């Protein structure tokens, strides 16, 4: 079995929106379309993907980065930004 996370594109977006969870799970999770809209509003933070198994779309996942950054000066008074990413 070959499992891949593939970026959502115009070519596979509607297929992803068509994926549904079991009716007894709907109360626990947002629809793929709602999650996609949230990702568009949070570019660079939310990362949505289609899940493929052996070339067939079987699911959707999304994770987010929690970004923390600060600027510091080194011994030569050069400013540098340090970015920490927590997944």
N, C-alpha and C. Protein backbone atom coordinates (compact mmCIF):
# COMPACT_ATOMS: atom_id res chain seq x y z
N UNK A 1 0.84 -1.17 0.00
CA UNK A 1 0.00 0.00 0.00
C UNK A 1 0.89 1.24 0.00
N UNK A 2 0.59 2.19 -0.88
CA UNK A 2 1.33 3.43 -0.99
C UNK A 2 0.40 4.57 -0.58
N UNK A 3 0.70 5.26 0.52
CA UNK A 3 -0.13 6.36 1.02
C UNK A 3 0.64 7.66 0.82
N UNK A 4 -0.06 8.68 0.27
CA UNK A 4 0.58 9.97 0.00
C UNK A 4 -0.34 11.11 0.45
N UNK A 5 0.27 12.21 0.86
CA UNK A 5 -0.44 13.46 1.08
C UNK A 5 -0.19 14.33 -0.14
N UNK A 6 -1.28 14.74 -0.80
CA UNK A 6 -1.18 15.50 -2.05
C UNK A 6 -1.85 16.86 -1.85
N UNK A 7 -1.20 17.91 -2.34
CA UNK A 7 -1.80 19.24 -2.27
C UNK A 7 -3.16 19.26 -2.95
N UNK A 8 -4.06 20.06 -2.41
CA UNK A 8 -5.35 20.24 -3.06
C UNK A 8 -5.19 21.24 -4.20
N UNK A 9 -5.76 20.90 -5.34
CA UNK A 9 -5.68 21.73 -6.54
C UNK A 9 -7.08 21.87 -7.14
N UNK A 10 -7.20 22.67 -8.15
CA UNK A 10 -8.47 22.80 -8.87
C UNK A 10 -8.93 21.45 -9.41
N UNK A 11 -7.98 20.58 -9.74
CA UNK A 11 -8.31 19.28 -10.33
C UNK A 11 -8.90 18.29 -9.31
N UNK A 12 -8.51 18.39 -8.05
CA UNK A 12 -8.99 17.40 -7.07
C UNK A 12 -9.85 18.00 -5.95
N UNK A 13 -10.07 19.30 -5.98
CA UNK A 13 -10.78 19.97 -4.90
C UNK A 13 -12.22 19.49 -4.76
N UNK A 14 -12.97 19.42 -5.84
CA UNK A 14 -14.37 18.99 -5.76
C UNK A 14 -14.49 17.54 -5.30
N UNK A 15 -13.57 16.71 -5.74
CA UNK A 15 -13.57 15.32 -5.28
C UNK A 15 -13.37 15.27 -3.76
N UNK A 16 -12.48 16.10 -3.26
CA UNK A 16 -12.22 16.16 -1.81
C UNK A 16 -13.47 16.64 -1.07
N UNK A 17 -14.13 17.65 -1.60
CA UNK A 17 -15.35 18.17 -0.96
C UNK A 17 -16.44 17.10 -0.94
N UNK A 18 -16.40 16.17 -1.88
CA UNK A 18 -17.39 15.11 -1.94
C UNK A 18 -17.18 14.01 -0.93
N UNK A 19 -16.01 13.94 -0.32
CA UNK A 19 -15.75 12.92 0.70
C UNK A 19 -16.55 13.26 1.95
N UNK A 20 -17.18 12.28 2.54
CA UNK A 20 -18.01 12.50 3.73
C UNK A 20 -17.63 11.52 4.83
N UNK A 21 -17.80 11.96 6.06
CA UNK A 21 -17.59 11.07 7.21
C UNK A 21 -18.91 10.36 7.51
N UNK A 22 -18.85 9.33 8.32
CA UNK A 22 -20.06 8.62 8.73
C UNK A 22 -20.99 9.59 9.47
N UNK A 23 -22.28 9.38 9.34
CA UNK A 23 -23.25 10.31 9.91
C UNK A 23 -23.08 10.47 11.43
N UNK A 24 -22.65 9.43 12.12
CA UNK A 24 -22.47 9.54 13.57
C UNK A 24 -21.18 10.27 13.95
N UNK A 25 -20.37 10.66 12.97
CA UNK A 25 -19.14 11.41 13.23
C UNK A 25 -19.25 12.88 12.86
N UNK A 26 -20.31 13.27 12.16
CA UNK A 26 -20.44 14.64 11.65
C UNK A 26 -20.38 15.69 12.74
N UNK A 27 -20.86 15.36 13.93
CA UNK A 27 -20.86 16.34 15.02
C UNK A 27 -19.46 16.63 15.55
N UNK A 28 -18.49 15.80 15.20
CA UNK A 28 -17.14 15.94 15.74
C UNK A 28 -16.15 16.63 14.81
N UNK A 29 -16.50 16.80 13.54
CA UNK A 29 -15.52 17.28 12.57
C UNK A 29 -16.15 18.19 11.55
N UNK A 30 -15.40 19.22 11.14
CA UNK A 30 -15.88 20.14 10.11
C UNK A 30 -15.85 19.45 8.75
N UNK A 31 -16.64 19.95 7.83
CA UNK A 31 -16.60 19.40 6.47
C UNK A 31 -15.27 19.76 5.82
N UNK A 32 -14.91 19.01 4.80
CA UNK A 32 -13.67 19.30 4.08
C UNK A 32 -13.72 20.69 3.47
N UNK A 33 -14.88 21.09 2.97
CA UNK A 33 -15.02 22.42 2.37
C UNK A 33 -14.84 23.52 3.42
N UNK A 34 -15.42 23.35 4.59
CA UNK A 34 -15.23 24.34 5.67
C UNK A 34 -13.76 24.41 6.08
N UNK A 35 -13.12 23.26 6.17
CA UNK A 35 -11.70 23.24 6.53
C UNK A 35 -10.85 23.91 5.46
N UNK A 36 -11.18 23.68 4.20
CA UNK A 36 -10.46 24.32 3.08
C UNK A 36 -10.60 25.84 3.18
N UNK A 37 -11.80 26.32 3.46
CA UNK A 37 -12.01 27.77 3.59
C UNK A 37 -11.22 28.34 4.77
N UNK A 38 -11.14 27.61 5.86
CA UNK A 38 -10.32 28.03 7.00
C UNK A 38 -8.86 28.10 6.60
N UNK A 39 -8.40 27.13 5.83
CA UNK A 39 -7.00 27.11 5.38
C UNK A 39 -6.70 28.31 4.49
N UNK A 40 -7.65 28.68 3.61
CA UNK A 40 -7.45 29.84 2.74
C UNK A 40 -7.33 31.12 3.55
N UNK A 41 -8.07 31.20 4.64
CA UNK A 41 -8.03 32.38 5.51
C UNK A 41 -6.76 32.41 6.36
N UNK A 42 -6.06 31.29 6.47
CA UNK A 42 -4.87 31.17 7.32
C UNK A 42 -3.69 30.61 6.54
N UNK A 43 -3.43 31.19 5.37
CA UNK A 43 -2.33 30.71 4.53
C UNK A 43 -1.01 30.77 5.30
N UNK A 44 -0.20 29.76 5.11
CA UNK A 44 1.08 29.69 5.78
C UNK A 44 1.00 29.11 7.19
N UNK A 45 -0.21 28.94 7.69
CA UNK A 45 -0.40 28.34 9.01
C UNK A 45 -1.11 27.00 8.88
N UNK A 46 -2.28 27.03 8.23
CA UNK A 46 -3.06 25.79 8.02
C UNK A 46 -2.61 25.12 6.72
N UNK A 47 -2.41 23.82 6.79
CA UNK A 47 -1.90 23.05 5.65
C UNK A 47 -2.85 21.90 5.33
N UNK A 48 -3.73 22.07 4.33
CA UNK A 48 -4.67 21.01 3.97
C UNK A 48 -4.09 20.08 2.90
N UNK A 49 -4.42 18.80 2.98
CA UNK A 49 -3.96 17.81 2.01
C UNK A 49 -5.04 16.77 1.75
N UNK A 50 -5.05 16.26 0.54
CA UNK A 50 -5.85 15.07 0.23
C UNK A 50 -4.98 13.86 0.55
N UNK A 51 -5.60 12.82 1.07
CA UNK A 51 -4.90 11.57 1.37
C UNK A 51 -5.21 10.59 0.25
N UNK A 52 -4.16 10.08 -0.37
CA UNK A 52 -4.30 9.11 -1.46
C UNK A 52 -3.70 7.77 -1.04
N UNK A 53 -4.36 6.70 -1.42
CA UNK A 53 -3.83 5.35 -1.24
C UNK A 53 -3.81 4.69 -2.60
N UNK A 54 -2.63 4.30 -3.04
CA UNK A 54 -2.45 3.67 -4.34
C UNK A 54 -3.14 4.46 -5.44
N UNK A 55 -2.98 5.80 -5.41
CA UNK A 55 -3.50 6.66 -6.47
C UNK A 55 -4.95 7.06 -6.34
N UNK A 56 -5.66 6.58 -5.31
CA UNK A 56 -7.08 6.89 -5.12
C UNK A 56 -7.25 7.77 -3.89
N UNK A 57 -8.02 8.88 -4.04
CA UNK A 57 -8.27 9.74 -2.89
C UNK A 57 -9.15 9.02 -1.88
N UNK A 58 -8.67 8.95 -0.65
CA UNK A 58 -9.42 8.24 0.40
C UNK A 58 -9.73 9.12 1.61
N UNK A 59 -9.19 10.33 1.64
CA UNK A 59 -9.44 11.16 2.82
C UNK A 59 -8.86 12.55 2.69
N UNK A 60 -8.99 13.29 3.76
CA UNK A 60 -8.55 14.68 3.86
C UNK A 60 -7.93 14.87 5.22
N UNK A 61 -6.87 15.66 5.28
CA UNK A 61 -6.27 16.02 6.57
C UNK A 61 -5.79 17.46 6.51
N UNK A 62 -5.71 18.07 7.66
CA UNK A 62 -5.19 19.42 7.74
C UNK A 62 -4.49 19.56 9.08
N UNK A 63 -3.33 20.17 9.04
CA UNK A 63 -2.64 20.48 10.29
C UNK A 63 -2.22 21.94 10.24
N UNK A 64 -1.81 22.47 11.37
CA UNK A 64 -1.44 23.88 11.45
C UNK A 64 -0.11 24.04 12.16
N UNK A 65 0.58 25.09 11.78
CA UNK A 65 1.83 25.47 12.42
C UNK A 65 1.54 26.56 13.44
N UNK A 66 2.18 26.48 14.57
CA UNK A 66 2.12 27.52 15.57
C UNK A 66 3.47 28.24 15.49
N UNK A 67 3.47 29.44 14.93
CA UNK A 67 4.71 30.14 14.63
C UNK A 67 5.02 31.16 15.73
N UNK A 68 6.25 31.11 16.20
CA UNK A 68 6.74 32.07 17.18
C UNK A 68 8.06 32.60 16.64
N UNK A 69 8.18 33.91 16.55
CA UNK A 69 9.44 34.47 16.05
C UNK A 69 9.85 35.67 16.90
N UNK A 70 11.13 35.93 16.89
CA UNK A 70 11.64 37.12 17.54
C UNK A 70 12.91 37.56 16.83
N UNK A 71 13.29 38.81 17.04
CA UNK A 71 14.48 39.38 16.42
C UNK A 71 15.53 39.56 17.51
N UNK A 72 16.77 39.20 17.20
CA UNK A 72 17.85 39.43 18.15
C UNK A 72 19.04 40.03 17.41
N UNK A 73 19.95 40.63 18.17
CA UNK A 73 21.17 41.21 17.61
C UNK A 73 22.35 40.34 18.02
N UNK A 74 23.18 40.03 17.03
CA UNK A 74 24.38 39.24 17.35
C UNK A 74 25.49 40.17 17.82
N UNK A 75 26.68 39.64 18.02
CA UNK A 75 27.81 40.43 18.55
C UNK A 75 28.22 41.57 17.62
N UNK A 76 27.88 41.48 16.35
CA UNK A 76 28.23 42.54 15.39
C UNK A 76 27.07 43.49 15.14
N UNK A 77 26.07 43.45 16.00
CA UNK A 77 24.88 44.29 15.91
C UNK A 77 24.06 44.02 14.64
N UNK A 78 24.17 42.81 14.12
CA UNK A 78 23.33 42.42 12.99
C UNK A 78 22.03 41.86 13.54
N UNK A 79 20.92 42.33 12.99
CA UNK A 79 19.63 41.80 13.43
C UNK A 79 19.31 40.53 12.67
N UNK A 80 18.78 39.55 13.38
CA UNK A 80 18.39 38.29 12.77
C UNK A 80 17.04 37.87 13.35
N UNK A 81 16.21 37.29 12.49
CA UNK A 81 14.94 36.76 12.96
C UNK A 81 15.08 35.26 13.18
N UNK A 82 14.63 34.83 14.33
CA UNK A 82 14.62 33.41 14.64
C UNK A 82 13.17 32.96 14.67
N UNK A 83 12.89 31.88 13.97
CA UNK A 83 11.52 31.39 13.89
C UNK A 83 11.46 29.98 14.45
N UNK A 84 10.57 29.78 15.39
CA UNK A 84 10.31 28.45 15.92
C UNK A 84 8.95 28.00 15.40
N UNK A 85 8.87 26.80 14.96
CA UNK A 85 7.61 26.25 14.46
C UNK A 85 7.26 25.03 15.29
N UNK A 86 6.09 25.07 15.91
CA UNK A 86 5.60 23.95 16.69
C UNK A 86 4.47 23.31 15.91
N UNK A 87 4.56 22.04 15.70
CA UNK A 87 3.53 21.34 14.95
C UNK A 87 2.64 20.58 15.89
